């Protein structure tokens, strides 16, 4: 890690550098680190925006969607002129205009078991900005197998939540052992979502990522932060590791191939009684 910052960087990041908790060493860590953001939509937009502004040196962005006009009410890194473009391309252009220190690695694909391990392996931290349960469970499992920290977030109508998952803490399956039955939780295209809500939760996720990269503060490890925008209520719910968790417990899986992510996200164990 190099501690030498150019004069333009000393100016750009001056409000970080004058903080005792970050300083030039912390800023150098940000510039030298790599973060993978899965999803360039409602949550991913503020995550990408603020990590790029903070000077995280390399941002990987995974998304296989194109920008739609209905996205623009909340996905603030895309503009009207981006409609129809791949979100990863629009995100890369946004970051290039915001901060030339940051390199964007676009991955225009869907995260699936066949590519999850390789994608996660290239980055120091992963931020889950996905909008579906199979991807959330897949990211949890792939990151735990790779000993990679994961910052998770989700939104629904006026409510949001965030938590941070680290290699020596409880995982997403400890918090939510089973996903809801398919079709029981409608997406935002069906129920809608307050446009500013993903900004709030995405900023929390970006904050958690910066804390992990610099090594400051108390991340949301073993704590689910829930937020209700209707009355600005915040609740912190603690959760513990589960000894029989199939991913981080006493007998963990060895590969994401053991999981049926599109069919309830369940774990397939070999039949040892045959």
C-alpha atoms as a PDB file:
ATOM      1  CA  UNK A   1       0.000   0.000   0.000  1.00  0.00           C
ATOM      2  CA  UNK A   2       1.371   3.341  -1.073  1.00  0.00           C
ATOM      3  CA  UNK A   3       0.857   6.331   1.218  1.00  0.00           C
ATOM      4  CA  UNK A   4       1.887   8.917  -1.362  1.00  0.00           C
ATOM      5  CA  UNK A   5      -1.049  11.044  -2.485  1.00  0.00           C
ATOM      6  CA  UNK A   6      -0.878  13.500  -5.344  1.00  0.00           C
ATOM      7  CA  UNK A   7      -1.718  17.154  -4.768  1.00  0.00           C
ATOM      8  CA  UNK A   8      -5.097  16.800  -6.497  1.00  0.00           C
ATOM      9  CA  UNK A   9      -5.887  13.821  -4.261  1.00  0.00           C
ATOM     10  CA  UNK A  10      -4.893  15.740  -1.145  1.00  0.00           C
ATOM     11  CA  UNK A  11      -7.402  18.356  -2.232  1.00  0.00           C
ATOM     12  CA  UNK A  12     -10.165  15.946  -3.312  1.00  0.00           C
ATOM     13  CA  UNK A  13     -10.021  13.839  -0.152  1.00  0.00           C
ATOM     14  CA  UNK A  14      -9.063  16.619   2.279  1.00  0.00           C
ATOM     15  CA  UNK A  15     -12.186  16.134   4.426  1.00  0.00           C
ATOM     16  CA  UNK A  16     -11.176  12.498   4.939  1.00  0.00           C
ATOM     17  CA  UNK A  17      -7.504  13.241   5.460  1.00  0.00           C
ATOM     18  CA  UNK A  18      -8.073  15.752   8.263  1.00  0.00           C
ATOM     19  CA  UNK A  19     -10.062  13.174  10.239  1.00  0.00           C
ATOM     20  CA  UNK A  20      -7.968  11.312  12.802  1.00  0.00           C
ATOM     21  CA  UNK A  21      -9.950   8.137  12.140  1.00  0.00           C
ATOM     22  CA  UNK A  22      -9.075   8.120   8.420  1.00  0.00           C
ATOM     23  CA  UNK A  23      -6.117  10.368   7.639  1.00  0.00           C
ATOM     24  CA  UNK A  24      -3.786   9.825   4.667  1.00  0.00           C
ATOM     25  CA  UNK A  25      -3.231   6.178   5.612  1.00  0.00           C
ATOM     26  CA  UNK A  26      -6.943   5.434   5.571  1.00  0.00           C
ATOM     27  CA  UNK A  27      -7.420   7.259   2.283  1.00  0.00           C
ATOM     28  CA  UNK A  28      -4.559   5.267   0.779  1.00  0.00           C
ATOM     29  CA  UNK A  29      -6.325   2.078   1.867  1.00  0.00           C
ATOM     30  CA  UNK A  30      -9.475   3.182   0.068  1.00  0.00           C
ATOM     31  CA  UNK A  31      -7.552   3.955  -3.108  1.00  0.00           C
ATOM     32  CA  UNK A  32      -5.772   0.582  -2.993  1.00  0.00           C
ATOM     33  CA  UNK A  33      -8.856  -1.569  -2.371  1.00  0.00           C
ATOM     34  CA  UNK A  34     -11.354  -3.315  -4.619  1.00  0.00           C
ATOM     35  CA  UNK A  35     -15.104  -3.522  -3.957  1.00  0.00           C
ATOM     36  CA  UNK A  36     -17.638  -5.571  -5.904  1.00  0.00           C
ATOM     37  CA  UNK A  37     -21.146  -4.092  -6.073  1.00  0.00           C
ATOM     38  CA  UNK A  38     -23.789  -6.585  -7.173  1.00  0.00           C
ATOM     39  CA  UNK A  39     -26.631  -4.595  -8.656  1.00  0.00           C
ATOM     40  CA  UNK A  40     -26.568  -1.130 -10.243  1.00  0.00           C
ATOM     41  CA  UNK A  41     -30.173  -0.275  -9.434  1.00  0.00           C
ATOM     42  CA  UNK A  42     -31.875   1.392  -6.476  1.00  0.00           C
ATOM     43  CA  UNK A  43     -29.402   0.274  -3.810  1.00  0.00           C
ATOM     44  CA  UNK A  44     -26.399  -0.041  -6.089  1.00  0.00           C
ATOM     45  CA  UNK A  45     -26.720   3.529  -7.375  1.00  0.00           C
ATOM     46  CA  UNK A  46     -25.964   5.295  -4.055  1.00  0.00           C
ATOM     47  CA  UNK A  47     -23.421   2.618  -3.114  1.00  0.00           C
ATOM     48  CA  UNK A  48     -21.517   3.187  -6.367  1.00  0.00           C
ATOM     49  CA  UNK A  49     -21.875   6.967  -6.112  1.00  0.00           C
ATOM     50  CA  UNK A  50     -20.503   7.282  -2.584  1.00  0.00           C
ATOM     51  CA  UNK A  51     -17.799   4.633  -2.838  1.00  0.00           C
ATOM     52  CA  UNK A  52     -16.554   6.337  -6.002  1.00  0.00           C
ATOM     53  CA  UNK A  53     -16.664   9.749  -4.326  1.00  0.00           C
ATOM     54  CA  UNK A  54     -14.771   8.302  -1.345  1.00  0.00           C
ATOM     55  CA  UNK A  55     -11.980   7.159  -3.648  1.00  0.00           C
ATOM     56  CA  UNK A  56     -12.334   3.379  -3.542  1.00  0.00           C
ATOM     57  CA  UNK A  57      -9.777   2.563  -6.220  1.00  0.00           C
ATOM     58  CA  UNK A  58     -11.584  -0.214  -8.087  1.00  0.00           C
ATOM     59  CA  UNK A  59     -15.315  -0.851  -8.272  1.00  0.00           C
ATOM     60  CA  UNK A  60     -16.618  -3.993  -9.900  1.00  0.00           C
ATOM     61  CA  UNK A  61     -20.261  -3.667 -10.963  1.00  0.00           C
ATOM     62  CA  UNK A  62     -22.386  -6.729 -11.711  1.00  0.00           C
ATOM     63  CA  UNK A  63     -25.727  -6.236 -13.485  1.00  0.00           C
ATOM     64  CA  UNK A  64     -27.336  -7.703 -16.577  1.00  0.00           C
ATOM     65  CA  UNK A  65     -30.164  -5.164 -16.924  1.00  0.00           C
ATOM     66  CA  UNK A  66     -30.622  -2.115 -19.116  1.00  0.00           C
ATOM     67  CA  UNK A  67     -31.774   1.271 -17.845  1.00  0.00           C
ATOM     68  CA  UNK A  68     -35.536   1.831 -18.005  1.00  0.00           C
ATOM     69  CA  UNK A  69     -37.255   5.165 -17.559  1.00  0.00           C
ATOM     70  CA  UNK A  70     -39.127   3.839 -14.511  1.00  0.00           C
ATOM     71  CA  UNK A  71     -35.711   3.312 -12.842  1.00  0.00           C
ATOM     72  CA  UNK A  72     -34.885   7.012 -12.794  1.00  0.00           C
ATOM     73  CA  UNK A  73     -37.133   7.829  -9.826  1.00  0.00           C
ATOM     74  CA  UNK A  74     -34.568   6.179  -7.526  1.00  0.00           C
ATOM     75  CA  UNK A  75     -31.508   4.960  -9.486  1.00  0.00           C
ATOM     76  CA  UNK A  76     -29.654   8.254  -9.322  1.00  0.00           C
ATOM     77  CA  UNK A  77     -26.502   7.361 -11.274  1.00  0.00           C
ATOM     78  CA  UNK A  78     -28.536   6.900 -14.480  1.00  0.00           C
ATOM     79  CA  UNK A  79     -30.114   9.672 -16.540  1.00  0.00           C
ATOM     80  CA  UNK A  80     -32.768  10.028 -19.207  1.00  0.00           C
ATOM     81  CA  UNK A  81     -30.144   9.729 -21.922  1.00  0.00           C
ATOM     82  CA  UNK A  82     -29.111   6.328 -20.530  1.00  0.00           C
ATOM     83  CA  UNK A  83     -32.463   4.651 -21.131  1.00  0.00           C
ATOM     84  CA  UNK A  84     -31.844   1.440 -23.055  1.00  0.00           C
ATOM     85  CA  UNK A  85     -28.125   1.278 -22.181  1.00  0.00           C
ATOM     86  CA  UNK A  86     -26.665  -1.499 -20.017  1.00  0.00           C
ATOM     87  CA  UNK A  87     -26.614  -0.322 -16.418  1.00  0.00           C
ATOM     88  CA  UNK A  88     -22.968  -1.300 -16.022  1.00  0.00           C
ATOM     89  CA  UNK A  89     -22.012   1.021 -18.902  1.00  0.00           C
ATOM     90  CA  UNK A  90     -24.069   3.903 -17.523  1.00  0.00           C
ATOM     91  CA  UNK A  91     -22.549   3.331 -14.071  1.00  0.00           C
ATOM     92  CA  UNK A  92     -19.020   3.320 -15.495  1.00  0.00           C
ATOM     93  CA  UNK A  93     -19.603   6.625 -17.302  1.00  0.00           C
ATOM     94  CA  UNK A  94     -21.070   8.179 -14.156  1.00  0.00           C
ATOM     95  CA  UNK A  95     -18.040   7.180 -12.086  1.00  0.00           C
ATOM     96  CA  UNK A  96     -15.578   8.351 -14.751  1.00  0.00           C
ATOM     97  CA  UNK A  97     -17.183  11.788 -14.655  1.00  0.00           C
ATOM     98  CA  UNK A  98     -17.272  11.872 -10.851  1.00  0.00           C
ATOM     99  CA  UNK A  99     -13.788  10.646  -9.949  1.00  0.00           C
ATOM    100  CA  UNK A 100     -10.959   9.791 -12.380  1.00  0.00           C
ATOM    101  CA  UNK A 101      -9.105   8.001  -9.555  1.00  0.00           C
ATOM    102  CA  UNK A 102     -11.620   5.151  -9.677  1.00  0.00           C
ATOM    103  CA  UNK A 103     -11.514   2.271 -12.137  1.00  0.00           C
ATOM    104  CA  UNK A 104     -14.810   0.543 -12.900  1.00  0.00           C
ATOM    105  CA  UNK A 105     -14.798  -3.102 -13.936  1.00  0.00           C
ATOM    106  CA  UNK A 106     -18.203  -3.746 -15.565  1.00  0.00           C
ATOM    107  CA  UNK A 107     -19.573  -7.293 -15.435  1.00  0.00           C
ATOM    108  CA  UNK A 108     -22.629  -7.324 -17.672  1.00  0.00           C
ATOM    109  CA  UNK A 109     -23.979 -10.636 -16.507  1.00  0.00           C
ATOM    110  CA  UNK A 110     -26.238 -12.185 -13.922  1.00  0.00           C
ATOM    111  CA  UNK A 111     -24.597 -13.541 -10.797  1.00  0.00           C
ATOM    112  CA  UNK A 112     -25.071 -17.322 -10.871  1.00  0.00           C
ATOM    113  CA  UNK A 113     -23.405 -20.261  -9.104  1.00  0.00           C
ATOM    114  CA  UNK A 114     -21.102 -20.842 -12.092  1.00  0.00           C
ATOM    115  CA  UNK A 115     -19.488 -17.379 -11.865  1.00  0.00           C
ATOM    116  CA  UNK A 116     -20.030 -16.253  -8.255  1.00  0.00           C
ATOM    117  CA  UNK A 117     -16.838 -17.710  -6.801  1.00  0.00           C
ATOM    118  CA  UNK A 118     -14.609 -16.232  -9.522  1.00  0.00           C
ATOM    119  CA  UNK A 119     -16.194 -12.790  -9.225  1.00  0.00           C
ATOM    120  CA  UNK A 120     -15.988 -12.665  -5.441  1.00  0.00           C
ATOM    121  CA  UNK A 121     -12.364 -13.882  -5.436  1.00  0.00           C
ATOM    122  CA  UNK A 122     -11.182 -10.729  -7.237  1.00  0.00           C
ATOM    123  CA  UNK A 123     -12.404  -8.252  -4.622  1.00  0.00           C
ATOM    124  CA  UNK A 124     -11.716  -7.279  -1.000  1.00  0.00           C
ATOM    125  CA  UNK A 125     -15.334  -6.581  -0.039  1.00  0.00           C
ATOM    126  CA  UNK A 126     -18.692  -7.297  -1.679  1.00  0.00           C
ATOM    127  CA  UNK A 127     -21.817  -5.138  -1.404  1.00  0.00           C
ATOM    128  CA  UNK A 128     -25.130  -6.887  -2.002  1.00  0.00           C
ATOM    129  CA  UNK A 129     -27.385  -4.413  -3.799  1.00  0.00           C
ATOM    130  CA  UNK A 130     -29.494  -7.134  -5.435  1.00  0.00           C
ATOM    131  CA  UNK A 131     -33.275  -7.214  -5.534  1.00  0.00           C
ATOM    132  CA  UNK A 132     -33.999 -10.931  -5.139  1.00  0.00           C
ATOM    133  CA  UNK A 133     -33.503 -13.672  -2.567  1.00  0.00           C
ATOM    134  CA  UNK A 134     -31.609 -16.224  -4.695  1.00  0.00           C
ATOM    135  CA  UNK A 135     -28.850 -13.665  -5.341  1.00  0.00           C
ATOM    136  CA  UNK A 136     -28.708 -12.673  -1.665  1.00  0.00           C
ATOM    137  CA  UNK A 137     -28.265 -16.272  -0.538  1.00  0.00           C
ATOM    138  CA  UNK A 138     -25.778 -16.990  -3.313  1.00  0.00           C
ATOM    139  CA  UNK A 139     -23.684 -13.967  -2.350  1.00  0.00           C
ATOM    140  CA  UNK A 140     -23.777 -14.953   1.311  1.00  0.00           C
ATOM    141  CA  UNK A 141     -22.592 -18.466   0.520  1.00  0.00           C
ATOM    142  CA  UNK A 142     -19.919 -17.447  -2.001  1.00  0.00           C
ATOM    143  CA  UNK A 143     -18.512 -14.733   0.277  1.00  0.00           C
ATOM    144  CA  UNK A 144     -18.426 -17.035   3.301  1.00  0.00           C
ATOM    145  CA  UNK A 145     -16.589 -19.713   1.318  1.00  0.00           C
ATOM    146  CA  UNK A 146     -14.078 -17.056   0.165  1.00  0.00           C
ATOM    147  CA  UNK A 147     -13.721 -15.405   3.619  1.00  0.00           C
ATOM    148  CA  UNK A 148     -14.814 -12.120   2.029  1.00  0.00           C
ATOM    149  CA  UNK A 149     -16.845  -9.522   3.996  1.00  0.00           C
ATOM    150  CA  UNK A 150     -20.321  -8.820   2.619  1.00  0.00           C
ATOM    151  CA  UNK A 151     -22.509  -5.766   3.235  1.00  0.00           C
ATOM    152  CA  UNK A 152     -26.160  -6.672   2.695  1.00  0.00           C
ATOM    153  CA  UNK A 153     -29.150  -4.399   2.135  1.00  0.00           C
ATOM    154  CA  UNK A 154     -32.776  -4.619   1.060  1.00  0.00           C
ATOM    155  CA  UNK A 155     -35.762  -2.310   0.593  1.00  0.00           C
ATOM    156  CA  UNK A 156     -39.533  -2.760   0.402  1.00  0.00           C
ATOM    157  CA  UNK A 157     -42.016   0.091  -0.120  1.00  0.00           C
ATOM    158  CA  UNK A 158     -41.168   2.367   2.868  1.00  0.00           C
ATOM    159  CA  UNK A 159     -38.937  -0.065   4.775  1.00  0.00           C
ATOM    160  CA  UNK A 160     -35.287  -1.006   4.510  1.00  0.00           C
ATOM    161  CA  UNK A 161     -32.667  -3.030   6.302  1.00  0.00           C
ATOM    162  CA  UNK A 162     -28.912  -3.488   6.357  1.00  0.00           C
ATOM    163  CA  UNK A 163     -26.376  -5.789   8.008  1.00  0.00           C
ATOM    164  CA  UNK A 164     -22.716  -6.675   7.625  1.00  0.00           C
ATOM    165  CA  UNK A 165     -21.434 -10.241   7.336  1.00  0.00           C
ATOM    166  CA  UNK A 166     -17.789 -11.010   8.093  1.00  0.00           C
ATOM    167  CA  UNK A 167     -15.900 -14.327   8.028  1.00  0.00           C
ATOM    168  CA  UNK A 168     -15.876 -14.782  11.809  1.00  0.00           C
ATOM    169  CA  UNK A 169     -19.463 -13.611  12.425  1.00  0.00           C
ATOM    170  CA  UNK A 170     -22.952 -14.969  11.768  1.00  0.00           C
ATOM    171  CA  UNK A 171     -24.024 -15.215   8.133  1.00  0.00           C
ATOM    172  CA  UNK A 172     -27.202 -14.335   6.259  1.00  0.00           C
ATOM    173  CA  UNK A 173     -28.551 -17.863   6.763  1.00  0.00           C
ATOM    174  CA  UNK A 174     -28.158 -17.451  10.538  1.00  0.00           C
ATOM    175  CA  UNK A 175     -30.395 -14.392  10.292  1.00  0.00           C
ATOM    176  CA  UNK A 176     -32.811 -15.785   7.699  1.00  0.00           C
ATOM    177  CA  UNK A 177     -32.526 -19.609   7.632  1.00  0.00           C
ATOM    178  CA  UNK A 178     -35.189 -19.875   4.934  1.00  0.00           C
ATOM    179  CA  UNK A 179     -36.262 -17.361   2.283  1.00  0.00           C
ATOM    180  CA  UNK A 180     -39.935 -16.512   1.888  1.00  0.00           C
ATOM    181  CA  UNK A 181     -41.900 -18.755  -0.432  1.00  0.00           C
ATOM    182  CA  UNK A 182     -41.577 -17.685  -4.086  1.00  0.00           C
ATOM    183  CA  UNK A 183     -44.158 -15.052  -4.990  1.00  0.00           C
ATOM    184  CA  UNK A 184     -44.987 -14.064  -1.391  1.00  0.00           C
ATOM    185  CA  UNK A 185     -42.836 -10.915  -1.430  1.00  0.00           C
ATOM    186  CA  UNK A 186     -43.768  -8.768  -4.449  1.00  0.00           C
ATOM    187  CA  UNK A 187     -41.072  -6.707  -6.169  1.00  0.00           C
ATOM    188  CA  UNK A 188     -41.097  -2.925  -6.506  1.00  0.00           C
ATOM    189  CA  UNK A 189     -42.632  -3.145  -9.984  1.00  0.00           C
ATOM    190  CA  UNK A 190     -45.726  -4.552  -8.268  1.00  0.00           C
ATOM    191  CA  UNK A 191     -45.848  -2.659  -4.964  1.00  0.00           C
ATOM    192  CA  UNK A 192     -43.700   0.402  -5.630  1.00  0.00           C
ATOM    193  CA  UNK A 193     -40.897   1.842  -3.502  1.00  0.00           C
ATOM    194  CA  UNK A 194     -40.281   5.309  -2.069  1.00  0.00           C
ATOM    195  CA  UNK A 195     -37.630   6.814  -4.335  1.00  0.00           C
ATOM    196  CA  UNK A 196     -35.455   8.167  -1.524  1.00  0.00           C
ATOM    197  CA  UNK A 197     -35.514   4.931   0.503  1.00  0.00           C
ATOM    198  CA  UNK A 198     -32.815   3.060  -1.474  1.00  0.00           C
ATOM    199  CA  UNK A 199     -30.652   6.166  -1.102  1.00  0.00           C
ATOM    200  CA  UNK A 200     -30.863   5.902   2.683  1.00  0.00           C
ATOM    201  CA  UNK A 201     -30.092   2.185   2.832  1.00  0.00           C
ATOM    202  CA  UNK A 202     -27.480   2.371   0.059  1.00  0.00           C
ATOM    203  CA  UNK A 203     -25.658   5.144   1.929  1.00  0.00           C
ATOM    204  CA  UNK A 204     -25.628   2.940   5.036  1.00  0.00           C
ATOM    205  CA  UNK A 205     -24.117   0.134   2.971  1.00  0.00           C
ATOM    206  CA  UNK A 206     -21.467   2.445   1.533  1.00  0.00           C
ATOM    207  CA  UNK A 207     -20.662   3.639   5.062  1.00  0.00           C
ATOM    208  CA  UNK A 208     -20.237   0.065   6.269  1.00  0.00           C
ATOM    209  CA  UNK A 209     -17.940  -0.730   3.336  1.00  0.00           C
ATOM    210  CA  UNK A 210     -15.736   2.300   4.033  1.00  0.00           C
ATOM    211  CA  UNK A 211     -15.520   1.381   7.733  1.00  0.00           C
ATOM    212  CA  UNK A 212     -14.421  -2.144   6.840  1.00  0.00           C
ATOM    213  CA  UNK A 213     -11.853  -0.966   4.293  1.00  0.00           C
ATOM    214  CA  UNK A 214     -10.292   1.588   6.619  1.00  0.00           C
ATOM    215  CA  UNK A 215     -10.705  -0.509   9.770  1.00  0.00           C
ATOM    216  CA  UNK A 216     -12.702   1.928  11.895  1.00  0.00           C
ATOM    217  CA  UNK A 217     -15.892   1.944  13.924  1.00  0.00           C
ATOM    218  CA  UNK A 218     -18.265  -0.876  14.787  1.00  0.00           C
ATOM    219  CA  UNK A 219     -19.798  -2.452  11.683  1.00  0.00           C
ATOM    220  CA  UNK A 220     -23.261  -4.005  11.795  1.00  0.00           C
ATOM    221  CA  UNK A 221     -21.893  -7.484  12.500  1.00  0.00           C
ATOM    222  CA  UNK A 222     -24.514  -9.628  14.219  1.00  0.00           C
ATOM    223  CA  UNK A 223     -26.959  -6.712  14.015  1.00  0.00           C
ATOM    224  CA  UNK A 224     -29.809  -6.113  11.586  1.00  0.00           C
ATOM    225  CA  UNK A 225     -30.606  -2.424  11.270  1.00  0.00           C
ATOM    226  CA  UNK A 226     -34.220  -1.908  10.219  1.00  0.00           C
ATOM    227  CA  UNK A 227     -35.505   1.472   9.038  1.00  0.00           C
ATOM    228  CA  UNK A 228     -39.084   2.652   8.507  1.00  0.00           C
ATOM    229  CA  UNK A 229     -39.259   5.833   6.440  1.00  0.00           C
ATOM    230  CA  UNK A 230     -42.890   6.512   7.373  1.00  0.00           C
ATOM    231  CA  UNK A 231     -41.999   7.509  10.928  1.00  0.00           C
ATOM    232  CA  UNK A 232     -38.180   7.536  10.675  1.00  0.00           C
ATOM    233  CA  UNK A 233     -37.995   4.664  13.161  1.00  0.00           C
ATOM    234  CA  UNK A 234     -34.730   2.742  13.436  1.00  0.00           C
ATOM    235  CA  UNK A 235     -34.482  -0.618  15.178  1.00  0.00           C
ATOM    236  CA  UNK A 236     -31.355  -2.687  15.821  1.00  0.00           C
ATOM    237  CA  UNK A 237     -32.001  -6.426  16.101  1.00  0.00           C
ATOM    238  CA  UNK A 238     -29.100  -8.619  17.293  1.00  0.00           C
ATOM    239  CA  UNK A 239     -28.619 -12.131  15.910  1.00  0.00           C
ATOM    240  CA  UNK A 240     -26.161 -14.902  16.695  1.00  0.00           C
ATOM    241  CA  UNK A 241     -24.278 -17.583  14.767  1.00  0.00           C
ATOM    242  CA  UNK A 242     -26.232 -20.807  14.379  1.00  0.00           C
ATOM    243  CA  UNK A 243     -24.211 -23.971  15.100  1.00  0.00           C
ATOM    244  CA  UNK A 244     -26.206 -26.008  12.579  1.00  0.00           C
ATOM    245  CA  UNK A 245     -26.052 -23.330   9.874  1.00  0.00           C
ATOM    246  CA  UNK A 246     -25.202 -25.155   6.634  1.00  0.00           C
ATOM    247  CA  UNK A 247     -22.816 -22.389   5.525  1.00  0.00           C
ATOM    248  CA  UNK A 248     -21.020 -21.132   8.656  1.00  0.00           C
ATOM    249  CA  UNK A 249     -21.896 -23.808  11.224  1.00  0.00           C
ATOM    250  CA  UNK A 250     -20.147 -26.930  12.407  1.00  0.00           C
ATOM    251  CA  UNK A 251     -20.576 -28.812   9.110  1.00  0.00           C
ATOM    252  CA  UNK A 252     -20.454 -26.175   6.339  1.00  0.00           C
ATOM    253  CA  UNK A 253     -20.904 -26.756   2.634  1.00  0.00           C
ATOM    254  CA  UNK A 254     -17.757 -26.736   0.510  1.00  0.00           C
ATOM    255  CA  UNK A 255     -19.231 -25.291  -2.692  1.00  0.00           C
ATOM    256  CA  UNK A 256     -22.217 -23.280  -3.900  1.00  0.00           C
ATOM    257  CA  UNK A 257     -22.963 -26.260  -6.164  1.00  0.00           C
ATOM    258  CA  UNK A 258     -24.699 -27.794  -3.131  1.00  0.00           C
ATOM    259  CA  UNK A 259     -27.458 -25.181  -3.249  1.00  0.00           C
ATOM    260  CA  UNK A 260     -30.632 -24.934  -5.347  1.00  0.00           C
ATOM    261  CA  UNK A 261     -30.783 -21.154  -5.526  1.00  0.00           C
ATOM    262  CA  UNK A 262     -33.736 -20.886  -7.874  1.00  0.00           C
ATOM    263  CA  UNK A 263     -35.780 -23.426  -5.893  1.00  0.00           C
ATOM    264  CA  UNK A 264     -35.980 -22.143  -2.325  1.00  0.00           C
ATOM    265  CA  UNK A 265     -32.208 -21.645  -1.821  1.00  0.00           C
ATOM    266  CA  UNK A 266     -32.017 -24.931   0.053  1.00  0.00           C
ATOM    267  CA  UNK A 267     -28.893 -26.978   0.725  1.00  0.00           C
ATOM    268  CA  UNK A 268     -28.555 -30.386  -0.889  1.00  0.00           C
ATOM    269  CA  UNK A 269     -26.662 -32.687   1.453  1.00  0.00           C
ATOM    270  CA  UNK A 270     -25.273 -36.029   0.241  1.00  0.00           C
ATOM    271  CA  UNK A 271     -27.264 -39.006   1.524  1.00  0.00           C
ATOM    272  CA  UNK A 272     -24.849 -40.637   3.961  1.00  0.00           C
ATOM    273  CA  UNK A 273     -27.334 -43.402   4.856  1.00  0.00           C
ATOM    274  CA  UNK A 274     -27.432 -44.995   1.418  1.00  0.00           C
END
